[in-house]
Protein backbone atom coordinates (compact mmCIF):
# COMPACT_ATOMS: atom_id res chain seq x y z
CA MET A 1 9.45 10.29 -5.34
CA ILE A 2 9.78 6.80 -4.45
CA CYS A 3 7.31 3.75 -4.19
CA ASN A 4 8.75 1.19 -2.06
CA VAL A 5 5.66 -1.11 -1.77
CA PRO A 6 6.00 -4.77 -2.63
CA THR A 7 3.77 -6.25 -4.91
CA HIS A 8 2.02 -8.91 -3.18
CA LYS A 9 1.36 -5.92 -1.02
CA VAL A 10 -0.27 -3.88 -3.48
CA TYR A 11 -2.11 -6.39 -4.71
CA SER A 12 -3.64 -7.16 -1.35
CA ILE A 13 -4.63 -3.91 -0.63
CA PHE A 14 -6.59 -3.68 -3.37
CA VAL A 15 -7.97 -6.95 -3.75
CA ASN A 16 -9.42 -6.43 0.12
CA CYS A 17 -10.57 -3.26 -1.12
CA ARG A 18 -8.71 -1.22 1.81
CA GLN A 19 -7.59 2.31 1.21
CA VAL A 20 -3.95 2.82 0.53
CA ARG A 21 -2.37 4.78 3.56
CA LEU A 22 0.37 7.38 2.58
CA VAL A 23 2.60 9.87 3.98
CA ILE A 24 3.87 12.73 1.64
CA ALA A 25 7.27 13.83 2.30
CA ASP A 26 8.26 17.13 0.96
CA ASP A 27 9.85 20.53 1.81
CA ARG A 28 7.17 22.70 0.04
CA PRO A 29 4.00 23.34 1.87
CA ILE A 30 1.88 24.26 -1.07
CA PHE A 31 2.90 20.96 -2.98
CA ARG A 32 2.19 18.70 -0.04
CA ASP A 33 -1.32 20.48 0.37
CA GLY A 34 -1.97 19.92 -3.47
CA LEU A 35 -0.95 16.60 -3.64
CA ARG A 36 -2.84 15.44 -0.87
CA ARG A 37 -6.01 17.40 -2.21
CA LEU A 38 -5.48 15.30 -5.32
CA LEU A 39 -5.20 11.77 -3.89
CA GLU A 40 -8.05 12.15 -1.18
CA ALA A 41 -10.42 13.02 -3.46
CA GLU A 42 -9.95 9.60 -5.09
CA ALA A 43 -11.77 6.77 -2.66
CA ASP A 44 -8.84 4.38 -2.76
CA PHE A 45 -6.16 7.29 -0.84
CA LYS A 46 -6.13 8.30 2.52
CA VAL A 47 -3.27 10.50 3.39
CA VAL A 48 -2.21 9.80 6.98
CA GLY A 49 0.62 12.05 7.60
CA GLN A 50 2.95 14.72 5.81
CA ALA A 51 6.72 15.56 6.73
CA SER A 52 8.84 18.63 5.80
CA ASP A 53 11.95 17.04 6.17
CA GLY A 54 13.77 13.57 6.29
CA ALA A 55 13.89 13.78 10.53
CA GLU A 56 10.08 14.37 10.52
CA THR A 57 9.57 11.54 7.47
CA VAL A 58 11.46 9.13 9.82
CA GLN A 59 9.00 9.65 12.58
CA LEU A 60 6.02 9.41 10.62
CA ILE A 61 7.16 6.12 9.06
CA ARG A 62 8.06 4.35 12.81
CA GLU A 63 4.32 5.62 14.22
CA LEU A 64 2.21 5.43 11.38
CA LYS A 65 3.32 2.70 9.37
CA PRO A 66 1.90 3.34 5.82
CA ASP A 67 1.58 1.40 2.76
CA LEU A 68 3.11 4.01 0.51
CA LEU A 69 5.70 6.89 1.20
CA LEU A 70 6.10 9.79 -1.57
CA LEU A 71 9.25 10.85 -0.49
CA GLU A 72 11.17 14.43 -1.83
CA LEU A 73 14.92 13.38 -1.77
CA ALA A 74 16.26 16.49 -1.62
CA MET A 75 14.61 18.12 1.79
CA PRO A 76 16.62 20.32 4.49
CA LYS A 77 18.25 19.58 7.63
CA HIS A 78 17.61 15.60 6.99
CA SER A 79 17.00 14.80 3.50
CA GLY A 80 14.73 11.91 2.03
CA LEU A 81 17.53 10.05 0.77
CA GLU A 82 19.10 10.09 4.41
CA ALA A 83 15.59 9.00 5.45
CA LEU A 84 15.59 5.99 3.54
CA ARG A 85 18.81 4.94 4.31
CA GLU A 86 17.97 4.09 8.01
CA PRO A 87 17.93 0.71 8.46
CA ARG A 88 14.62 0.92 10.42
CA ILE A 89 12.91 2.69 7.80
CA SER A 90 14.26 0.36 5.16
CA PHE A 91 13.03 -2.84 6.84
CA LEU A 92 9.60 -0.90 7.38
CA LEU A 93 9.28 -0.18 3.83
CA SER A 94 10.10 -2.78 2.33
CA CYS A 95 8.44 -5.98 4.29
CA CYS A 96 5.57 -4.57 5.98
């Protein structure tokens, strides 16, 4: 899993007392569901999207612009690593 949130953004999220919006990307539905349940049990986290492959991950990142991405690198079709290599996604995850 990769967390690519700049330090100033994490600080800003917690100082402003807003929920961290995140996307979970993993090809195993039971893992995604379990992780979502664990995270949403905490008031600080809100799972705004779930993806089962890299292509779906790219689409969700573009649409939802989450604060955090929890990403499985070895997924079918379009891997998580390939998703991270897309220039627009790398830009969205690193600066916004």
